[in-house]
C-alpha atoms as a PDB file:
ATOM      1  CA  MET A   1       1.137 -24.738  68.302  1.00  0.00           C
ATOM      2  CA  ASP A   2      -0.557 -27.597  65.902  1.00  0.00           C
ATOM      3  CA  SER A   3       1.918 -29.034  63.652  1.00  0.00           C
ATOM      4  CA  GLY A   4      -1.002 -30.165  61.327  1.00  0.00           C
ATOM      5  CA  ILE A   5       0.857 -34.146  61.832  1.00  0.00           C
ATOM      6  CA  ASP A   6      -0.844 -36.527  63.995  1.00  0.00           C
ATOM      7  CA  TRP A   7       0.858 -39.810  65.173  1.00  0.00           C
ATOM      8  CA  HIS A   8      -1.118 -42.046  62.621  1.00  0.00           C
ATOM      9  CA  TRP A   9      -0.154 -39.640  59.829  1.00  0.00           C
ATOM     10  CA  ALA A  10       3.695 -40.162  60.905  1.00  0.00           C
ATOM     11  CA  ARG A  11       3.573 -43.758  61.635  1.00  0.00           C
ATOM     12  CA  ALA A  12       2.142 -44.308  57.956  1.00  0.00           C
ATOM     13  CA  ALA A  13       4.995 -42.114  56.413  1.00  0.00           C
ATOM     14  CA  LEU A  14       7.455 -44.037  58.487  1.00  0.00           C
ATOM     15  CA  ASP A  15       5.985 -47.100  57.201  1.00  0.00           C
ATOM     16  CA  TRP A  16       6.113 -46.182  53.804  1.00  0.00           C
ATOM     17  CA  GLN A  17       9.921 -45.532  54.263  1.00  0.00           C
ATOM     18  CA  LEU A  18      10.486 -48.648  55.230  1.00  0.00           C
ATOM     19  CA  GLU A  19       9.121 -50.175  52.436  1.00  0.00           C
ATOM     20  CA  LEU A  20      11.004 -48.048  50.330  1.00  0.00           C
ATOM     21  CA  GLY A  21      14.068 -49.626  52.017  1.00  0.00           C
ATOM     22  CA  ALA A  22      15.219 -46.789  54.226  1.00  0.00           C
ATOM     23  CA  ASP A  23      16.542 -48.122  57.434  1.00  0.00           C
ATOM     24  CA  GLU A  24      18.690 -44.796  58.833  1.00  0.00           C
ATOM     25  CA  ALA A  25      17.751 -41.171  58.977  1.00  0.00           C
ATOM     26  CA  ILE A  26      21.450 -39.871  58.619  1.00  0.00           C
ATOM     27  CA  GLY A  27      21.116 -36.633  57.020  1.00  0.00           C
ATOM     28  CA  GLU A  28      20.144 -33.515  58.220  1.00  0.00           C
ATOM     29  CA  ALA A  29      18.285 -32.075  55.116  1.00  0.00           C
ATOM     30  CA  PRO A  30      16.162 -34.226  52.988  1.00  0.00           C
ATOM     31  CA  VAL A  31      17.672 -36.011  49.939  1.00  0.00           C
ATOM     32  CA  ASP A  32      15.653 -36.016  46.476  1.00  0.00           C
ATOM     33  CA  ARG A  33      16.415 -39.568  45.379  1.00  0.00           C
ATOM     34  CA  PHE A  34      14.454 -38.942  42.207  1.00  0.00           C
ATOM     35  CA  ALA A  35      16.547 -36.452  40.933  1.00  0.00           C
ATOM     36  CA  LEU A  36      19.512 -38.295  41.910  1.00  0.00           C
ATOM     37  CA  GLU A  37      18.061 -41.222  39.903  1.00  0.00           C
ATOM     38  CA  ALA A  38      17.191 -38.772  36.879  1.00  0.00           C
ATOM     39  CA  ALA A  39      20.903 -37.665  36.798  1.00  0.00           C
ATOM     40  CA  GLU A  40      22.211 -41.067  36.960  1.00  0.00           C
ATOM     41  CA  GLN A  41      19.756 -42.001  34.073  1.00  0.00           C
ATOM     42  CA  ALA A  42      21.157 -38.683  32.028  1.00  0.00           C
ATOM     43  CA  ALA A  43      24.647 -39.902  32.527  1.00  0.00           C
ATOM     44  CA  ARG A  44      24.167 -43.193  31.502  1.00  0.00           C
ATOM     45  CA  ALA A  45      22.470 -42.035  28.418  1.00  0.00           C
ATOM     46  CA  GLN A  46      25.747 -40.301  27.446  1.00  0.00           C
ATOM     47  CA  PRO A  47      28.014 -42.190  24.760  1.00  0.00           C
ATOM     48  CA  ALA A  48      30.712 -44.194  26.422  1.00  0.00           C
ATOM     49  CA  ALA A  49      34.221 -43.429  26.713  1.00  0.00           C
ATOM     50  CA  ALA A  50      36.419 -44.742  23.662  1.00  0.00           C
ATOM     51  CA  THR A  51      37.908 -47.823  24.722  1.00  0.00           C
ATOM     52  CA  PRO A  52      41.705 -48.557  23.887  1.00  0.00           C
ATOM     53  CA  GLU A  53      42.092 -50.719  20.849  1.00  0.00           C
ATOM     54  CA  ARG A  54      43.317 -53.998  21.184  1.00  0.00           C
ATOM     55  CA  GLY A  55      46.919 -54.600  22.277  1.00  0.00           C
ATOM     56  CA  ARG A  56      47.541 -50.651  23.149  1.00  0.00           C
ATOM     57  CA  ALA A  57      48.176 -50.025  26.910  1.00  0.00           C
ATOM     58  CA  PRO A  58      45.827 -47.728  28.766  1.00  0.00           C
ATOM     59  CA  ALA A  59      47.159 -44.151  29.609  1.00  0.00           C
ATOM     60  CA  PRO A  60      48.933 -44.195  32.850  1.00  0.00           C
ATOM     61  CA  MET A  61      46.801 -42.616  35.746  1.00  0.00           C
ATOM     62  CA  ALA A  62      47.837 -39.116  36.884  1.00  0.00           C
ATOM     63  CA  GLU A  63      50.301 -38.960  39.678  1.00  0.00           C
ATOM     64  CA  PRO A  64      48.671 -37.858  43.082  1.00  0.00           C
ATOM     65  CA  ALA A  65      49.164 -33.960  43.779  1.00  0.00           C
ATOM     66  CA  GLY A  66      51.016 -32.573  46.758  1.00  0.00           C
ATOM     67  CA  PRO A  67      54.897 -32.890  47.612  1.00  0.00           C
ATOM     68  CA  ASP A  68      56.290 -36.353  48.106  1.00  0.00           C
ATOM     69  CA  PRO A  69      57.296 -35.988  52.484  1.00  0.00           C
ATOM     70  CA  VAL A  70      59.808 -38.977  51.941  1.00  0.00           C
ATOM     71  CA  HIS A  71      61.832 -36.904  49.405  1.00  0.00           C
ATOM     72  CA  LEU A  72      61.476 -33.523  50.922  1.00  0.00           C
ATOM     73  CA  ALA A  73      62.779 -35.473  54.589  1.00  0.00           C
ATOM     74  CA  LYS A  74      65.663 -36.138  52.322  1.00  0.00           C
ATOM     75  CA  ASP A  75      66.191 -33.082  51.267  1.00  0.00           C
ATOM     76  CA  ALA A  76      66.141 -31.383  54.624  1.00  0.00           C
ATOM     77  CA  ALA A  77      68.267 -34.064  56.138  1.00  0.00           C
ATOM     78  CA  ARG A  78      71.285 -33.862  53.708  1.00  0.00           C
ATOM     79  CA  GLY A  79      71.294 -30.195  53.929  1.00  0.00           C
ATOM     80  CA  ALA A  80      71.877 -30.636  57.892  1.00  0.00           C
ATOM     81  CA  GLY A  81      75.962 -29.935  58.396  1.00  0.00           C
ATOM     82  CA  SER A  82      75.459 -30.598  62.031  1.00  0.00           C
ATOM     83  CA  LEU A  83      73.423 -32.000  65.085  1.00  0.00           C
ATOM     84  CA  GLU A  84      71.996 -28.246  65.970  1.00  0.00           C
ATOM     85  CA  ALA A  85      71.080 -27.728  62.087  1.00  0.00           C
ATOM     86  CA  LEU A  86      69.649 -31.325  61.915  1.00  0.00           C
ATOM     87  CA  GLN A  87      67.438 -30.473  64.877  1.00  0.00           C
ATOM     88  CA  ALA A  88      66.225 -27.257  63.248  1.00  0.00           C
ATOM     89  CA  ALA A  89      65.640 -28.887  60.550  1.00  0.00           C
ATOM     90  CA  MET A  90      63.398 -31.309  62.142  1.00  0.00           C
ATOM     91  CA  ALA A  91      61.731 -28.955  63.926  1.00  0.00           C
ATOM     92  CA  ALA A  92      60.497 -26.870  60.684  1.00  0.00           C
ATOM     93  CA  PHE A  93      59.358 -30.152  58.783  1.00  0.00           C
ATOM     94  CA  GLU A  94      55.751 -30.045  58.750  1.00  0.00           C
ATOM     95  CA  LEU A  95      54.627 -32.797  56.844  1.00  0.00           C
ATOM     96  CA  CYS A  96      54.808 -35.258  59.684  1.00  0.00           C
ATOM     97  CA  GLU A  97      51.094 -35.207  61.750  1.00  0.00           C
ATOM     98  CA  LEU A  98      52.595 -36.640  64.818  1.00  0.00           C
ATOM     99  CA  LYS A  99      53.955 -32.962  64.768  1.00  0.00           C
ATOM    100  CA  ARG A 100      50.662 -31.278  65.591  1.00  0.00           C
ATOM    101  CA  GLY A 101      49.554 -33.332  68.560  1.00  0.00           C
ATOM    102  CA  ALA A 102      52.915 -33.544  70.452  1.00  0.00           C
ATOM    103  CA  ARG A 103      54.069 -31.118  73.152  1.00  0.00           C
ATOM    104  CA  ASN A 104      57.718 -31.196  72.193  1.00  0.00           C
ATOM    105  CA  LEU A 105      60.130 -32.165  69.675  1.00  0.00           C
ATOM    106  CA  VAL A 106      62.462 -35.005  71.460  1.00  0.00           C
ATOM    107  CA  PHE A 107      65.629 -35.144  69.840  1.00  0.00           C
ATOM    108  CA  SER A 108      68.375 -36.998  71.638  1.00  0.00           C
ATOM    109  CA  ASP A 109      69.734 -37.168  75.088  1.00  0.00           C
ATOM    110  CA  GLY A 110      73.706 -38.190  76.262  1.00  0.00           C
ATOM    111  CA  VAL A 111      77.365 -37.183  74.656  1.00  0.00           C
ATOM    112  CA  ALA A 112      76.995 -36.041  70.987  1.00  0.00           C
ATOM    113  CA  GLY A 113      80.168 -38.246  69.692  1.00  0.00           C
ATOM    114  CA  ALA A 114      80.199 -41.083  72.183  1.00  0.00           C
ATOM    115  CA  ARG A 115      81.240 -44.485  70.955  1.00  0.00           C
ATOM    116  CA  VAL A 116      77.440 -46.076  71.496  1.00  0.00           C
ATOM    117  CA  MET A 117      74.310 -44.824  69.968  1.00  0.00           C
ATOM    118  CA  ILE A 118      71.250 -46.387  71.213  1.00  0.00           C
ATOM    119  CA  VAL A 119      67.977 -45.653  68.677  1.00  0.00           C
ATOM    120  CA  GLY A 120      64.725 -46.186  70.324  1.00  0.00           C
ATOM    121  CA  GLU A 121      61.287 -46.058  68.931  1.00  0.00           C
ATOM    122  CA  ALA A 122      59.216 -42.926  69.884  1.00  0.00           C
ATOM    123  CA  PRO A 123      58.534 -40.744  72.815  1.00  0.00           C
ATOM    124  CA  GLY A 124      55.997 -41.461  75.574  1.00  0.00           C
ATOM    125  CA  ARG A 125      54.324 -39.056  77.734  1.00  0.00           C
ATOM    126  CA  GLU A 126      56.918 -38.314  79.944  1.00  0.00           C
ATOM    127  CA  GLU A 127      59.581 -37.719  77.149  1.00  0.00           C
ATOM    128  CA  ASP A 128      57.018 -35.387  75.155  1.00  0.00           C
ATOM    129  CA  LEU A 129      56.599 -33.638  78.380  1.00  0.00           C
ATOM    130  CA  GLN A 130      60.280 -33.028  79.139  1.00  0.00           C
ATOM    131  CA  GLY A 131      61.642 -33.267  75.676  1.00  0.00           C
ATOM    132  CA  LYS A 132      64.145 -36.033  76.043  1.00  0.00           C
ATOM    133  CA  PRO A 133      63.888 -39.877  75.065  1.00  0.00           C
ATOM    134  CA  PHE A 134      63.748 -42.721  77.752  1.00  0.00           C
ATOM    135  CA  VAL A 135      63.144 -40.447  80.825  1.00  0.00           C
ATOM    136  CA  GLY A 136      60.074 -42.563  82.148  1.00  0.00           C
ATOM    137  CA  ARG A 137      60.216 -46.129  83.734  1.00  0.00           C
ATOM    138  CA  ALA A 138      61.788 -47.556  80.529  1.00  0.00           C
ATOM    139  CA  GLY A 139      64.532 -44.859  80.820  1.00  0.00           C
ATOM    140  CA  GLN A 140      65.175 -45.355  84.529  1.00  0.00           C
ATOM    141  CA  LEU A 141      65.320 -49.326  83.339  1.00  0.00           C
ATOM    142  CA  LEU A 142      67.895 -48.274  80.600  1.00  0.00           C
ATOM    143  CA  ASP A 143      69.776 -46.274  82.784  1.00  0.00           C
ATOM    144  CA  ARG A 144      70.417 -49.168  85.297  1.00  0.00           C
ATOM    145  CA  MET A 145      70.974 -51.558  82.367  1.00  0.00           C
ATOM    146  CA  LEU A 146      73.707 -49.217  80.812  1.00  0.00           C
ATOM    147  CA  GLY A 147      75.311 -49.165  84.504  1.00  0.00           C
ATOM    148  CA  ALA A 148      75.739 -52.541  84.843  1.00  0.00           C
ATOM    149  CA  ILE A 149      78.485 -52.488  82.215  1.00  0.00           C
ATOM    150  CA  GLY A 150      80.010 -49.059  82.845  1.00  0.00           C
ATOM    151  CA  LEU A 151      78.133 -47.162  80.473  1.00  0.00           C
ATOM    152  CA  SER A 152      76.076 -43.587  81.190  1.00  0.00           C
ATOM    153  CA  ARG A 153      74.119 -41.229  79.024  1.00  0.00           C
ATOM    154  CA  ALA A 154      76.215 -38.949  81.014  1.00  0.00           C
ATOM    155  CA  GLU A 155      79.165 -40.009  79.992  1.00  0.00           C
ATOM    156  CA  SER A 156      79.576 -42.401  77.304  1.00  0.00           C
ATOM    157  CA  VAL A 157      76.260 -43.013  75.654  1.00  0.00           C
ATOM    158  CA  TYR A 158      74.246 -41.129  73.076  1.00  0.00           C
ATOM    159  CA  ILE A 159      70.218 -41.574  72.854  1.00  0.00           C
ATOM    160  CA  THR A 160      67.726 -40.980  70.119  1.00  0.00           C
ATOM    161  CA  ASN A 161      64.428 -42.538  68.640  1.00  0.00           C
ATOM    162  CA  VAL A 162      63.178 -43.310  65.171  1.00  0.00           C
ATOM    163  CA  LEU A 163      60.169 -40.375  65.584  1.00  0.00           C
ATOM    164  CA  PRO A 164      60.977 -37.390  67.422  1.00  0.00           C
ATOM    165  CA  TRP A 165      57.223 -36.837  68.195  1.00  0.00           C
ATOM    166  CA  ARG A 166      54.907 -38.774  70.298  1.00  0.00           C
ATOM    167  CA  PRO A 167      52.285 -40.947  68.589  1.00  0.00           C
ATOM    168  CA  PRO A 168      48.568 -40.185  70.128  1.00  0.00           C
ATOM    169  CA  GLN A 169      48.103 -42.595  72.999  1.00  0.00           C
ATOM    170  CA  ASN A 170      51.305 -44.232  72.677  1.00  0.00           C
ATOM    171  CA  ARG A 171      50.180 -46.165  69.293  1.00  0.00           C
ATOM    172  CA  ASP A 172      52.949 -47.889  67.342  1.00  0.00           C
ATOM    173  CA  PRO A 173      54.100 -45.640  64.599  1.00  0.00           C
ATOM    174  CA  ARG A 174      52.624 -46.214  61.216  1.00  0.00           C
ATOM    175  CA  PRO A 175      55.047 -46.891  57.774  1.00  0.00           C
ATOM    176  CA  GLU A 176      54.326 -43.807  56.476  1.00  0.00           C
ATOM    177  CA  GLU A 177      55.825 -42.228  59.832  1.00  0.00           C
ATOM    178  CA  ILE A 178      58.543 -44.273  60.016  1.00  0.00           C
ATOM    179  CA  ALA A 179      59.306 -44.007  56.350  1.00  0.00           C
ATOM    180  CA  MET A 180      59.350 -40.082  56.444  1.00  0.00           C
ATOM    181  CA  MET A 181      61.706 -39.677  59.582  1.00  0.00           C
ATOM    182  CA  ARG A 182      63.881 -42.493  58.087  1.00  0.00           C
ATOM    183  CA  PRO A 183      66.000 -39.865  56.247  1.00  0.00           C
ATOM    184  CA  PHE A 184      66.550 -37.886  59.320  1.00  0.00           C
ATOM    185  CA  LEU A 185      67.681 -40.714  61.462  1.00  0.00           C
ATOM    186  CA  ALA A 186      70.093 -42.071  58.862  1.00  0.00           C
ATOM    187  CA  ARG A 187      71.628 -38.249  58.911  1.00  0.00           C
ATOM    188  CA  HIS A 188      71.520 -38.365  62.774  1.00  0.00           C
ATOM    189  CA  ILE A 189      73.432 -41.208  62.971  1.00  0.00           C
ATOM    190  CA  ALA A 190      76.173 -40.217  60.660  1.00  0.00           C
ATOM    191  CA  LEU A 191      76.616 -36.584  62.062  1.00  0.00           C
ATOM    192  CA  ALA A 192      76.906 -38.265  65.648  1.00  0.00           C
ATOM    193  CA  ASP A 193      79.414 -40.924  64.508  1.00  0.00           C
ATOM    194  CA  PRO A 194      79.204 -43.609  66.833  1.00  0.00           C
ATOM    195  CA  ASP A 195      81.449 -46.841  66.592  1.00  0.00           C
ATOM    196  CA  LEU A 196      78.342 -48.847  67.120  1.00  0.00           C
ATOM    197  CA  VAL A 197      74.399 -48.491  67.239  1.00  0.00           C
ATOM    198  CA  VAL A 198      72.139 -50.602  69.416  1.00  0.00           C
ATOM    199  CA  ILE A 199      68.697 -50.659  68.090  1.00  0.00           C
ATOM    200  CA  MET A 200      66.040 -51.444  70.840  1.00  0.00           C
ATOM    201  CA  GLY A 201      62.719 -52.612  69.786  1.00  0.00           C
ATOM    202  CA  ASN A 202      60.811 -53.754  66.567  1.00  0.00           C
ATOM    203  CA  ILE A 203      59.872 -50.374  65.207  1.00  0.00           C
ATOM    204  CA  SER A 204      63.702 -49.254  65.296  1.00  0.00           C
ATOM    205  CA  CYS A 205      64.486 -52.480  63.558  1.00  0.00           C
ATOM    206  CA  ASP A 206      61.928 -51.814  60.887  1.00  0.00           C
ATOM    207  CA  ALA A 207      63.387 -48.237  60.457  1.00  0.00           C
ATOM    208  CA  LEU A 208      67.326 -49.411  60.259  1.00  0.00           C
ATOM    209  CA  LEU A 209      67.108 -52.875  58.971  1.00  0.00           C
ATOM    210  CA  GLY A 210      63.890 -53.206  57.355  1.00  0.00           C
ATOM    211  CA  LYS A 211      62.723 -55.980  59.018  1.00  0.00           C
ATOM    212  CA  ARG A 212      60.718 -56.759  62.273  1.00  0.00           C
ATOM    213  CA  GLY A 213      60.861 -59.701  64.869  1.00  0.00           C
ATOM    214  CA  ILE A 214      63.203 -58.605  67.877  1.00  0.00           C
ATOM    215  CA  THR A 215      62.676 -62.020  69.393  1.00  0.00           C
ATOM    216  CA  ARG A 216      64.411 -63.308  66.388  1.00  0.00           C
ATOM    217  CA  LEU A 217      66.595 -60.745  65.559  1.00  0.00           C
ATOM    218  CA  ARG A 218      68.066 -59.576  69.430  1.00  0.00           C
ATOM    219  CA  GLY A 219      71.442 -60.429  70.416  1.00  0.00           C
ATOM    220  CA  THR A 220      72.721 -61.249  66.848  1.00  0.00           C
ATOM    221  CA  TRP A 221      75.470 -58.157  65.402  1.00  0.00           C
ATOM    222  CA  THR A 222      74.231 -56.728  62.392  1.00  0.00           C
ATOM    223  CA  GLU A 223      75.123 -53.681  60.205  1.00  0.00           C
ATOM    224  CA  ALA A 224      73.001 -50.620  60.048  1.00  0.00           C
ATOM    225  CA  GLU A 225      74.051 -47.251  58.264  1.00  0.00           C
ATOM    226  CA  GLY A 226      77.561 -48.685  57.763  1.00  0.00           C
ATOM    227  CA  ARG A 227      77.991 -49.556  61.445  1.00  0.00           C
ATOM    228  CA  PRO A 228      78.174 -52.611  63.556  1.00  0.00           C
ATOM    229  CA  ALA A 229      74.484 -52.660  65.094  1.00  0.00           C
ATOM    230  CA  LEU A 230      73.176 -54.913  67.901  1.00  0.00           C
ATOM    231  CA  PRO A 231      69.219 -55.414  68.383  1.00  0.00           C
ATOM    232  CA  MET A 232      68.115 -55.657  71.604  1.00  0.00           C
ATOM    233  CA  PHE A 233      64.699 -55.709  73.494  1.00  0.00           C
ATOM    234  CA  HIS A 234      63.128 -52.347  74.148  1.00  0.00           C
ATOM    235  CA  PRO A 235      63.185 -51.630  78.187  1.00  0.00           C
ATOM    236  CA  ALA A 236      59.373 -50.985  77.895  1.00  0.00           C
ATOM    237  CA  TYR A 237      59.134 -54.707  76.663  1.00  0.00           C
ATOM    238  CA  LEU A 238      61.070 -55.705  79.707  1.00  0.00           C
ATOM    239  CA  LEU A 239      58.986 -54.089  82.174  1.00  0.00           C
ATOM    240  CA  ARG A 240      56.008 -56.085  80.764  1.00  0.00           C
ATOM    241  CA  GLN A 241      58.018 -59.033  80.187  1.00  0.00           C
ATOM    242  CA  PRO A 242      60.547 -59.369  83.169  1.00  0.00           C
ATOM    243  CA  ALA A 243      61.343 -63.175  82.395  1.00  0.00           C
ATOM    244  CA  MET A 244      63.520 -61.695  79.250  1.00  0.00           C
ATOM    245  CA  LYS A 245      66.115 -59.794  81.262  1.00  0.00           C
ATOM    246  CA  ARG A 246      67.895 -62.691  81.024  1.00  0.00           C
ATOM    247  CA  GLN A 247      68.791 -62.400  77.365  1.00  0.00           C
ATOM    248  CA  ALA A 248      68.837 -58.756  77.986  1.00  0.00           C
ATOM    249  CA  TRP A 249      71.772 -59.491  80.097  1.00  0.00           C
ATOM    250  CA  ALA A 250      73.410 -61.423  77.333  1.00  0.00           C
ATOM    251  CA  ASP A 251      73.007 -58.869  74.845  1.00  0.00           C
ATOM    252  CA  LEU A 252      74.585 -56.043  77.190  1.00  0.00           C
ATOM    253  CA  LEU A 253      77.519 -58.380  77.595  1.00  0.00           C
ATOM    254  CA  GLU A 254      77.815 -58.729  74.115  1.00  0.00           C
ATOM    255  CA  LEU A 255      77.834 -54.999  73.881  1.00  0.00           C
ATOM    256  CA  GLN A 256      80.459 -54.961  76.570  1.00  0.00           C
ATOM    257  CA  ALA A 257      82.644 -57.543  74.303  1.00  0.00           C
ATOM    258  CA  LYS A 258      82.296 -55.549  71.156  1.00  0.00           C
ATOM    259  CA  LEU A 259      82.991 -52.483  72.411  1.00  0.00           C
ATOM    260  CA  LYS A 260      86.597 -53.765  73.922  1.00  0.00           C
ATOM    261  CA  ALA A 261      87.103 -55.708  70.492  1.00  0.00           C
ATOM    262  CA  LEU A 262      86.711 -52.610  69.007  1.00  0.00           C
ATOM    263  CA  GLY A 263      89.359 -50.942  71.172  1.00  0.00           C
END
C-alpha cells in the first residue's frame, strides 16, 4: 500500500529537522514544540513571585514526605528483647530495597553468647542461598583462621554481618543501606553480649567505627558499642591478597592474647 511519502520527501523532512537542531528520535509520539514554547512564554508573562524583604530569611523548604527509615529501624531494633525477636523485626523491616532481591535473611551463625562476636560486611551468593554468614570460600578460610587459635563457630564464636541481605552482584553496600541497618547491628551486639568484637573489613569499620581504611586500622584495638574491638582484614580480601595473611596471623595472635588477658 502506497503511503504517499517517497524517499526524497522523507529526506527533505529529516534535513529540515536537522536544521532545527534535532539530533535524536527518542519519543514514540510527536511533541508539539510550538505549544510548549507558547506555554513557557505565558508562564514568563505571569507576575514574578514576591521576593523576600532585605534581611529576611527565606522560608524553609518543606521536609520530604515519607517515613525516615533510620528512625523506624531504631524503633524496631529497640523493641526487640531477644535475638529471636530481633531476627523477626529485621525480617519484617520493609524499607531496605536489598530485601526484595535477596533469597534469604542472613541473620547469624555460631554460638549466641560466645565471648567473641565477628561482624562481617554483607552476604555473598552462598550466604544468600544458605541463609548463614561466611559459608563460601571466605567462610572456609575464616574457619581455618579461627581454628588456628583454638576458636570455632560451633563452640566459641558468634558471627553476623552489617547487612542481612545480599547486595546485587555483590556490590559494596551504599551509605544509606549501612545507616539503615546500623541500629539493628547495635542491638544485635547488645543482645549477643560478647566480651569483644572482631570487625572484618571496611564496610564493618564504617558501620561500627564511622571510618574506613582497614589497612591502617587493622591490628589496633579500639572500642565499638562499648566493647573492645579489633579491626581485621576480611577473609575475602585475604583470598585476593594472600601476601596479607602474615598481618592477619598477627591479628589473630592479638585476639588470642586479649581473650587470655580478659580471663
